[in-house]
Protein backbone atom coordinates (compact mmCIF):
# COMPACT_ATOMS: atom_id res chain seq x y z
CA MET A 1 -41.96 16.70 27.71
CA PRO A 2 -38.99 18.35 25.58
CA SER A 3 -39.91 21.09 22.74
CA PRO A 4 -39.46 20.25 19.33
CA SER A 5 -36.17 22.09 19.47
CA THR A 6 -34.70 20.05 22.06
CA TRP A 7 -35.90 16.92 20.50
CA VAL A 8 -33.94 17.88 17.23
CA VAL A 9 -30.80 18.98 19.69
CA ILE A 10 -31.03 15.37 21.20
CA LEU A 11 -31.38 13.07 17.69
CA SER A 12 -28.74 15.19 16.25
CA THR A 13 -26.60 14.54 19.10
CA VAL A 14 -27.31 10.60 19.07
CA ALA A 15 -26.56 10.61 15.10
CA ALA A 16 -23.37 12.39 15.46
CA THR A 17 -22.50 10.31 18.49
CA LEU A 18 -23.49 7.03 16.14
CA LEU A 19 -21.38 8.38 13.24
CA VAL A 20 -18.22 9.32 15.19
CA VAL A 21 -18.73 5.42 16.47
CA LEU A 22 -18.55 4.35 12.99
CA LEU A 23 -15.94 6.11 12.05
CA PHE A 24 -13.82 5.14 15.16
CA GLN A 25 -14.63 1.36 14.28
CA ASN A 26 -13.73 1.57 10.52
CA PHE A 27 -10.74 3.67 10.85
CA ALA A 28 -9.01 2.13 13.93
CA THR A 29 -7.44 -1.14 14.36
CA ALA A 30 -7.47 -2.99 17.75
CA GLU A 31 -4.13 -4.71 16.88
CA LYS A 32 -0.80 -3.81 17.60
CA LYS A 33 1.74 -2.16 15.07
CA ILE A 34 5.31 -3.70 14.52
CA ASP A 35 7.10 -0.82 15.59
CA GLU A 36 10.66 -1.70 15.83
CA LYS A 37 13.29 -2.85 13.12
CA LEU A 38 13.96 -6.48 12.98
CA PRO A 39 17.35 -7.65 13.42
CA LYS A 40 19.18 -8.99 10.88
CA LEU A 41 19.78 -12.68 11.42
CA TYR A 42 20.19 -14.63 8.27
CA GLU A 43 19.99 -13.58 4.49
CA THR A 44 17.36 -14.94 2.02
CA ASP A 45 19.34 -18.18 0.75
CA ASP A 46 19.43 -19.32 4.20
CA ALA A 47 17.24 -22.28 5.24
CA GLU A 48 16.64 -19.92 8.70
CA PHE A 49 14.69 -17.24 6.29
CA ARG A 50 12.62 -20.27 5.25
CA ARG A 51 11.79 -21.42 8.34
CA SER A 52 10.74 -17.67 9.44
CA LEU A 53 8.39 -17.40 6.51
CA SER A 54 6.71 -20.59 7.27
CA ALA A 55 6.40 -20.15 10.67
CA LEU A 56 5.46 -16.62 11.20
CA LEU A 57 3.15 -16.52 8.36
CA GLY A 58 1.16 -19.25 8.67
CA PRO A 59 1.49 -22.21 6.07
CA PRO A 60 4.57 -23.92 5.32
CA LEU A 61 6.51 -23.79 2.02
CA VAL A 62 5.66 -26.57 0.08
CA GLU A 63 7.87 -28.04 -2.83
CA GLY A 64 6.79 -29.41 -6.39
CA ASN A 65 5.05 -26.35 -7.82
CA GLN A 66 5.05 -24.83 -11.23
CA VAL A 67 3.93 -21.02 -11.89
CA GLU A 68 3.44 -19.37 -15.11
CA THR A 69 4.36 -15.45 -15.60
CA LEU A 70 1.29 -13.83 -17.29
CA LEU A 71 1.72 -10.53 -18.58
CA ASN A 72 -1.01 -8.10 -19.16
CA GLY A 73 -4.67 -8.46 -20.70
CA ASP A 74 -3.42 -10.35 -23.59
CA GLN A 75 -2.26 -13.02 -21.91
CA ILE A 76 -3.85 -12.95 -18.34
CA PHE A 77 -7.48 -13.19 -19.64
CA PRO A 78 -7.45 -16.00 -22.31
CA SER A 79 -5.52 -18.37 -19.69
CA MET A 80 -8.28 -17.66 -17.03
CA LEU A 81 -11.12 -17.98 -19.20
CA ALA A 82 -9.66 -21.37 -20.69
CA ALA A 83 -9.09 -22.65 -16.92
CA ILE A 84 -12.71 -21.72 -16.05
CA ARG A 85 -14.06 -23.22 -19.08
CA SER A 86 -12.28 -26.60 -18.41
CA ALA A 87 -13.85 -26.89 -15.02
CA GLN A 88 -15.31 -30.07 -14.32
CA HIS A 89 -16.04 -29.96 -10.62
CA THR A 90 -15.68 -26.70 -8.59
CA ILE A 91 -14.56 -22.96 -9.13
CA ASN A 92 -13.85 -20.34 -6.70
CA PHE A 93 -13.31 -16.59 -7.70
CA GLU A 94 -12.29 -13.83 -5.48
CA THR A 95 -11.91 -10.37 -6.78
CA TYR A 96 -11.69 -6.63 -6.01
CA ILE A 97 -12.75 -4.93 -9.09
CA TYR A 98 -15.12 -6.34 -11.20
CA TRP A 99 -16.90 -3.69 -13.36
CA SER A 100 -18.97 -3.67 -16.38
CA GLY A 101 -17.65 -4.12 -19.98
CA SER A 102 -16.94 -6.60 -22.77
CA ILE A 103 -14.09 -8.66 -20.18
CA GLY A 104 -16.97 -8.58 -17.37
CA ARG A 105 -19.41 -10.10 -20.04
CA GLU A 106 -17.03 -12.62 -21.07
CA PHE A 107 -16.22 -13.98 -17.49
CA VAL A 108 -20.00 -13.88 -16.57
CA ASP A 109 -20.90 -16.02 -19.85
CA ALA A 110 -18.04 -18.36 -18.91
CA LEU A 111 -19.06 -18.78 -15.17
CA THR A 112 -22.60 -19.56 -15.90
CA GLU A 113 -22.26 -21.72 -18.60
CA ARG A 114 -20.45 -24.02 -16.20
CA ALA A 115 -22.96 -23.43 -13.21
CA ARG A 116 -25.36 -24.77 -15.94
CA ALA A 117 -23.35 -27.88 -16.73
CA GLY A 118 -23.33 -28.73 -13.09
CA VAL A 119 -20.03 -27.16 -11.98
CA LYS A 120 -20.09 -25.57 -8.39
CA VAL A 121 -19.42 -21.97 -8.95
CA ASN A 122 -18.75 -19.64 -5.86
CA VAL A 123 -18.13 -15.89 -6.91
CA LEU A 124 -16.92 -13.43 -4.21
CA LEU A 125 -16.99 -9.60 -5.04
CA ASP A 126 -15.75 -6.60 -3.16
CA TRP A 127 -18.94 -4.32 -2.52
CA VAL A 128 -16.68 -1.13 -3.06
CA GLY A 129 -14.95 -2.60 -5.99
CA SER A 130 -17.66 -4.29 -7.67
CA MET A 131 -20.08 -1.10 -7.57
CA LYS A 132 -19.41 -0.19 -10.85
CA MET A 133 -20.82 -3.66 -11.91
CA ASP A 134 -23.99 -3.62 -13.76
CA THR A 135 -26.50 -5.59 -11.15
CA ALA A 136 -27.89 -7.22 -14.02
CA LEU A 137 -24.99 -9.55 -14.61
CA LEU A 138 -25.02 -10.64 -11.00
CA ASP A 139 -28.82 -11.60 -11.37
CA GLU A 140 -27.64 -13.28 -14.38
CA MET A 141 -25.16 -15.48 -12.77
CA LYS A 142 -27.60 -16.29 -9.77
CA ALA A 143 -30.22 -16.95 -12.04
CA ALA A 144 -27.69 -19.78 -13.97
CA GLY A 145 -26.94 -21.25 -10.49
CA VAL A 146 -23.54 -19.05 -9.47
CA ALA A 147 -23.60 -18.36 -6.00
CA CYS A 148 -22.64 -15.02 -5.73
CA GLU A 149 -21.75 -12.62 -2.39
CA ARG A 150 -20.46 -8.97 -2.38
CA PHE A 151 -17.99 -8.74 0.46
CA HIS A 152 -19.25 -6.59 3.47
CA GLU A 153 -21.92 -5.08 1.32
CA PRO A 154 -23.32 -2.27 3.91
CA ARG A 155 -25.81 -3.90 6.42
CA PHE A 156 -26.44 -3.29 10.09
CA SER A 157 -24.15 -6.08 11.03
CA HIS A 158 -21.17 -4.73 9.00
CA TRP A 159 -20.93 -1.35 10.20
CA GLY A 160 -17.84 -1.84 12.17
CA ARG A 161 -16.07 -3.42 8.92
CA LEU A 162 -17.01 -1.04 5.99
CA ASN A 163 -13.46 0.11 5.81
CA ASN A 164 -12.51 -3.44 5.64
CA ARG A 165 -12.11 -4.56 1.79
CA THR A 166 -11.44 -7.82 0.15
CA HIS A 167 -8.59 -6.92 -2.28
CA ARG A 168 -7.59 -10.53 -2.89
CA LYS A 169 -7.48 -11.36 -6.46
CA LEU A 170 -8.14 -15.24 -6.52
CA LEU A 171 -9.45 -18.19 -9.29
CA VAL A 172 -8.95 -22.08 -8.45
CA VAL A 173 -10.29 -24.18 -10.59
CA ASP A 174 -11.02 -27.89 -9.19
CA GLY A 175 -9.12 -27.64 -6.61
CA ARG A 176 -5.91 -27.98 -9.17
CA VAL A 177 -5.12 -24.46 -10.97
CA GLY A 178 -5.07 -21.38 -9.17
CA PHE A 179 -4.30 -17.86 -10.33
CA THR A 180 -3.22 -14.56 -8.34
CA GLY A 181 -1.77 -11.41 -9.12
CA GLY A 182 -2.81 -8.15 -9.49
CA VAL A 183 -5.52 -7.90 -12.21
CA GLY A 184 -9.32 -6.72 -12.05
CA ILE A 185 -12.05 -7.72 -14.25
CA ALA A 186 -12.62 -4.57 -16.16
CA ASP A 187 -11.43 -3.66 -19.75
CA GLN A 188 -8.65 -1.21 -18.79
CA TRP A 189 -6.76 -4.32 -18.35
CA ARG A 190 -7.06 -5.53 -21.61
CA GLY A 191 -4.46 -5.41 -24.37
CA ASN A 192 -0.76 -5.20 -23.98
CA ALA A 193 0.09 -2.06 -22.22
CA ARG A 194 0.76 -0.16 -25.65
CA HIS A 195 -1.26 2.88 -24.54
CA PRO A 196 -2.82 4.64 -21.55
CA GLY A 197 -6.13 2.83 -22.24
CA GLU A 198 -4.12 -0.66 -21.59
CA TRP A 199 -3.12 -0.84 -17.81
CA ARG A 200 0.30 -2.99 -17.16
CA ASP A 201 -0.22 -5.92 -14.92
CA THR A 202 0.97 -9.28 -14.22
CA HIS A 203 -0.92 -12.33 -12.85
CA TYR A 204 0.46 -16.13 -12.25
CA ARG A 205 -1.09 -19.69 -13.33
CA VAL A 206 -0.02 -21.90 -10.48
CA ALA A 207 0.17 -25.30 -10.11
CA GLY A 208 1.16 -28.07 -7.55
CA PRO A 209 0.27 -28.60 -4.04
CA VAL A 210 0.46 -25.03 -3.17
CA VAL A 211 -3.03 -24.60 -4.76
CA GLY A 212 -4.76 -26.24 -1.80
CA GLN A 213 -3.24 -23.09 0.35
CA MET A 214 -4.59 -20.82 -2.47
CA GLN A 215 -8.28 -22.49 -2.14
CA SER A 216 -7.97 -22.14 1.76
CA VAL A 217 -7.49 -18.60 1.37
CA PHE A 218 -10.23 -18.02 -0.59
CA LEU A 219 -12.58 -20.03 1.74
CA ASP A 220 -11.68 -17.92 4.63
CA ASN A 221 -13.52 -15.14 3.21
CA TRP A 222 -16.10 -17.36 1.72
CA MET A 223 -16.73 -18.61 5.08
CA ARG A 224 -16.82 -15.12 6.66
CA ALA A 225 -19.17 -14.26 4.06
CA THR A 226 -21.57 -17.19 4.12
CA GLY A 227 -21.15 -18.98 6.82
CA GLU A 228 -20.67 -21.96 4.30
CA VAL A 229 -17.66 -24.64 4.95
CA LEU A 230 -16.61 -25.98 1.55
CA HIS A 231 -14.62 -29.31 1.83
CA GLY A 232 -13.95 -32.56 0.14
CA GLU A 233 -12.37 -34.07 -2.62
CA ALA A 234 -14.52 -31.61 -5.32
CA TYR A 235 -12.31 -28.65 -3.30
CA PHE A 236 -9.44 -30.24 -1.90
CA PRO A 237 -8.13 -33.33 -4.19
CA ALA A 238 -4.48 -34.83 -3.62
CA LEU A 239 -1.92 -32.83 -5.39
CA GLN A 240 1.27 -34.16 -6.67
CA PRO A 241 4.40 -32.40 -7.30
CA VAL A 242 4.33 -31.00 -10.80
CA GLY A 243 7.28 -28.75 -11.02
CA PRO A 244 10.23 -27.38 -9.35
CA TYR A 245 9.33 -24.35 -7.35
CA THR A 246 9.12 -23.89 -3.52
CA ALA A 247 6.02 -21.57 -2.79
CA GLN A 248 3.75 -20.49 -0.07
CA MET A 249 0.20 -18.81 -0.29
CA PHE A 250 -0.57 -16.62 2.98
CA SER A 251 -3.00 -14.07 3.55
CA SER A 252 -3.55 -10.73 5.98
CA SER A 253 -6.45 -9.68 7.35
CA PRO A 254 -7.35 -7.25 9.84
CA SER A 255 -9.94 -9.75 11.47
CA GLY A 256 -6.93 -12.12 12.22
CA GLY A 257 -3.32 -11.00 11.56
CA SER A 258 -3.29 -7.79 9.43
CA GLU A 259 0.30 -7.37 10.17
CA SER A 260 1.68 -10.70 8.68
CA MET A 261 1.70 -9.00 5.14
CA HIS A 262 3.90 -5.85 6.48
CA LEU A 263 5.97 -8.81 8.29
CA MET A 264 6.43 -10.47 5.24
CA TYR A 265 7.92 -7.26 3.54
CA LEU A 266 10.11 -6.55 6.97
CA LEU A 267 11.68 -9.46 6.79
CA SER A 268 12.65 -10.08 3.14
CA ILE A 269 14.03 -6.65 3.07
CA THR A 270 16.06 -7.16 6.39
CA ALA A 271 17.48 -10.36 5.05
CA ALA A 272 18.61 -8.90 1.65
CA ARG A 273 22.37 -9.30 0.92
CA LYS A 274 22.46 -8.09 -3.11
CA SER A 275 19.56 -6.69 -4.36
CA ILE A 276 15.74 -5.54 -3.72
CA ASP A 277 13.50 -4.94 -6.81
CA LEU A 278 10.35 -3.46 -5.94
CA ALA A 279 7.54 -3.14 -8.26
CA ASN A 280 4.24 -1.57 -6.64
CA SER A 281 1.25 0.59 -7.88
CA TYR A 282 0.88 2.15 -4.74
CA PHE A 283 3.99 2.65 -2.87
CA VAL A 284 3.38 4.58 0.13
CA PRO A 285 5.84 3.19 3.00
CA ASP A 286 5.45 3.73 7.00
CA GLU A 287 8.35 5.28 8.76
CA LEU A 288 9.55 2.01 9.85
CA THR A 289 9.68 0.35 6.51
CA ILE A 290 11.22 3.05 4.98
CA ARG A 291 14.22 3.10 7.91
CA THR A 292 14.25 -0.61 7.02
CA LEU A 293 14.82 0.10 2.95
CA ILE A 294 17.41 2.47 4.26
CA ASP A 295 19.18 0.32 6.11
CA ALA A 296 19.23 -2.00 3.67
CA ALA A 297 20.69 0.21 1.12
CA ARG A 298 23.42 1.38 3.58
CA ARG A 299 24.88 -1.80 3.90
CA GLY A 300 25.33 -2.10 0.10
CA VAL A 301 21.75 -3.47 -1.25
CA LYS A 302 20.84 -2.09 -4.58
CA VAL A 303 17.09 -0.88 -3.88
CA ARG A 304 15.10 0.09 -7.09
CA ILE A 305 11.61 0.95 -6.38
CA LEU A 306 9.24 1.08 -9.82
CA THR A 307 6.03 3.05 -9.40
CA PRO A 308 2.90 4.48 -11.84
CA SER A 309 3.94 8.18 -13.46
CA GLY A 310 1.10 10.60 -13.84
CA HIS A 311 -0.72 7.65 -15.63
CA ILE A 312 -2.46 6.83 -12.36
CA ASP A 313 -6.09 5.98 -11.05
CA SER A 314 -5.26 7.62 -7.66
CA GLU A 315 -3.20 11.23 -7.98
CA THR A 316 -3.47 11.49 -4.29
CA VAL A 317 -1.78 8.12 -3.80
CA ARG A 318 1.08 9.19 -6.13
CA LYS A 319 1.68 12.58 -4.30
CA ALA A 320 1.62 10.98 -0.65
CA SER A 321 4.00 8.54 -2.17
CA ARG A 322 6.53 10.98 -3.61
CA SER A 323 6.38 13.05 -0.28
CA THR A 324 8.43 10.00 1.21
CA TRP A 325 10.85 9.79 -1.27
CA GLY A 326 14.05 11.95 -0.02
CA PRO A 327 15.40 10.18 2.71
CA MET A 328 15.63 7.09 0.41
CA LEU A 329 16.81 8.89 -2.44
CA GLU A 330 19.77 10.40 -0.16
CA ALA A 331 20.49 6.94 1.02
CA GLY A 332 21.13 6.04 -2.49
CA ILE A 333 17.72 3.87 -3.34
CA GLU A 334 16.66 4.41 -7.08
CA PHE A 335 13.28 5.29 -8.01
CA ALA A 336 11.57 5.43 -11.54
CA GLU A 337 8.09 5.79 -12.61
CA TYR A 338 6.56 3.61 -15.32
CA GLN A 339 5.71 6.11 -18.63
CA PRO A 340 3.51 4.28 -21.00
CA THR A 341 0.39 3.57 -19.17
CA MET A 342 -0.95 2.67 -15.67
CA PHE A 343 1.40 0.82 -13.77
CA HIS A 344 -0.91 -1.77 -11.58
CA VAL A 345 1.75 -4.53 -11.10
CA LYS A 346 2.73 -5.65 -7.39
CA GLY A 347 6.12 -7.51 -7.07
CA LEU A 348 9.25 -8.02 -4.86
CA VAL A 349 12.23 -9.95 -5.97
CA VAL A 350 14.94 -9.88 -3.30
CA ASP A 351 18.76 -11.47 -4.31
CA GLY A 352 17.51 -13.28 -6.73
CA VAL A 353 16.07 -16.28 -4.80
CA PHE A 354 12.95 -14.83 -3.14
CA SER A 355 9.90 -13.62 -5.12
CA SER A 356 6.52 -12.22 -3.41
CA VAL A 357 3.71 -11.47 -6.02
CA GLY A 358 0.02 -11.23 -5.33
CA SER A 359 -2.58 -8.25 -4.40
CA THR A 360 -0.59 -6.27 -2.15
CA ASN A 361 -0.01 -2.67 -2.25
CA PHE A 362 2.88 -1.17 -0.57
CA ASP A 363 0.80 1.23 1.71
CA ASN A 364 -1.15 0.80 4.87
CA ARG A 365 -4.30 -0.24 3.14
CA SER A 366 -2.86 -3.17 2.13
CA PHE A 367 -1.13 -3.96 5.48
CA ARG A 368 -3.55 -3.13 8.09
CA LEU A 369 -7.10 -2.73 6.11
CA ASN A 370 -7.69 -4.86 3.53
CA ASP A 371 -7.57 -8.46 3.22
CA GLU A 372 -4.64 -9.58 0.78
CA ALA A 373 -3.06 -12.81 -0.41
CA ASN A 374 0.58 -13.30 -1.74
CA LEU A 375 2.16 -15.87 -3.38
CA ASN A 376 5.98 -16.37 -1.98
CA VAL A 377 8.29 -18.51 -4.39
CA MET A 378 11.66 -19.39 -3.44
CA ASN A 379 13.43 -20.16 -6.66
CA ALA A 380 16.44 -18.98 -8.72
CA ASP A 381 14.98 -19.56 -12.16
CA PHE A 382 11.58 -17.84 -11.14
CA SER A 383 13.11 -15.00 -9.70
CA ARG A 384 15.65 -14.38 -12.65
CA GLU A 385 12.06 -14.44 -14.82
CA GLN A 386 10.39 -11.90 -12.29
CA GLN A 387 13.67 -9.85 -12.54
CA ALA A 388 13.88 -10.04 -16.38
CA VAL A 389 10.29 -8.44 -16.61
CA PHE A 390 11.15 -5.70 -14.10
CA GLU A 391 13.92 -4.71 -16.25
CA ALA A 392 11.74 -4.52 -19.12
CA ASP A 393 9.16 -2.25 -17.56
CA TRP A 394 12.54 -0.30 -15.97
CA ALA A 395 13.61 0.37 -19.38
CA ARG A 396 10.32 2.05 -19.93
CA ALA A 397 10.38 4.21 -16.86
CA GLN A 398 11.56 7.41 -15.92
CA ARG A 399 14.66 7.57 -13.60
CA ILE A 400 13.63 10.45 -10.65
CA THR A 401 17.05 11.85 -9.20
CA LEU A 402 17.30 13.41 -5.50
CA GLN A 403 17.89 16.79 -7.34
CA GLN A 404 14.82 16.34 -9.30
CA TRP A 405 13.04 15.36 -6.27
CA ARG A 406 14.48 18.65 -4.37
CA ASP A 407 13.88 20.73 -7.17
CA ARG A 408 10.06 20.17 -7.71
CA PRO A 409 7.64 23.17 -7.07
CA LEU A 410 6.55 24.55 -4.01
CA SER A 411 2.49 23.84 -5.19
CA GLU A 412 3.71 20.17 -5.63
CA ARG A 413 5.05 20.02 -2.11
CA PHE A 414 2.15 21.43 -1.06
CA TRP A 415 -0.46 18.96 -2.18
CA GLU A 416 2.26 16.30 -1.07
CA LEU A 417 1.84 17.37 2.38
CA LEU A 418 -1.64 17.33 2.27
CA ALA A 419 -1.90 14.07 0.62
CA ARG A 420 0.39 12.08 3.11
CA LEU A 421 -1.87 13.49 5.89
CA LEU A 422 -4.56 10.50 4.36
CA ARG A 423 -1.61 7.93 4.45
CA THR A 424 -3.23 5.81 6.92
CA GLN A 425 -6.27 5.32 4.84
CA LEU A 426 -4.24 4.97 1.23
């Protein structure tokens, strides 16, 4: 019979092996990555571009939609809460961050009131993103009849997916009105980005046929979390055209098409003819995306990239981002850092005709590890509105020149190098 010391060695070996397997399952992906630049076959205002978006990303572009731009918490939260309070049949709500605080309290009050009134309320929260949420709030919602689930809460059956988070931000009311964008449910998003305590973000209120696609994206994760299929008139009513925008809501997930979000960005950058305005809170591009952006700049496309300054909730991400800027600055790509507060916007406008907004950060975690969802809009008026918002943000940002980047101190370069080693998980 093995001695006690031998048993210690055996058990330690088994534990170490299980840990290695767990880490491998969580930090590796079985899907192939896109590793070659896409050929430029069309431009953003060509019919071929629209067909490619529909064929390659999944749901088709549909006409007849209205999309309202909401800036910062002062506009975002009242609109979302008003929609919840108006619900007659169903509310489906999925979000990454839900923390305790005054706005978290308001959402719980609104959701529980509707549940008690007989509205079917389904809430899906990411387990990591909602760790700062008081469990009493969850208990209160459940007691009122709200169906609450936490995405990939640690369980034996989820061991291989603990690193897969839902980063989607979706609210769909009665199957007719949808919301998406970058905002989380936390007091940091309150206000109007007037100082570091009020984060800068954009959200969107959507009506029209594309809301059916938004509902489907929510149901994708709800079925994975609960096994329940939500369907029927209460969730998918007939939706008539209500506006002039052609739009598409698509999603990505490591369990099914993790490269679709990355592909969408590569397609739109490759198709660009005049301009690319990219605003993103976490910009850590891979080598293929860097080469694609540089190619766009070299063929005469004006490329501007807006990122956070020192007001950021992850300095590691900022350092990893800045370490990649050199070749892009050399190619003429412009960079600026938003100064007043944390910049949490995720938006892309190409050639003034194509816009993509939603939950997706410009990094490996969003492209390959998280569940994400973006709303694509093909409309010049909508794109002009998004460009105007971008210009206003750019005016409050500080340009970073190539010389400034080259002159950064050695200590900063050292920490950037270390941060870049983690870029596959950022």
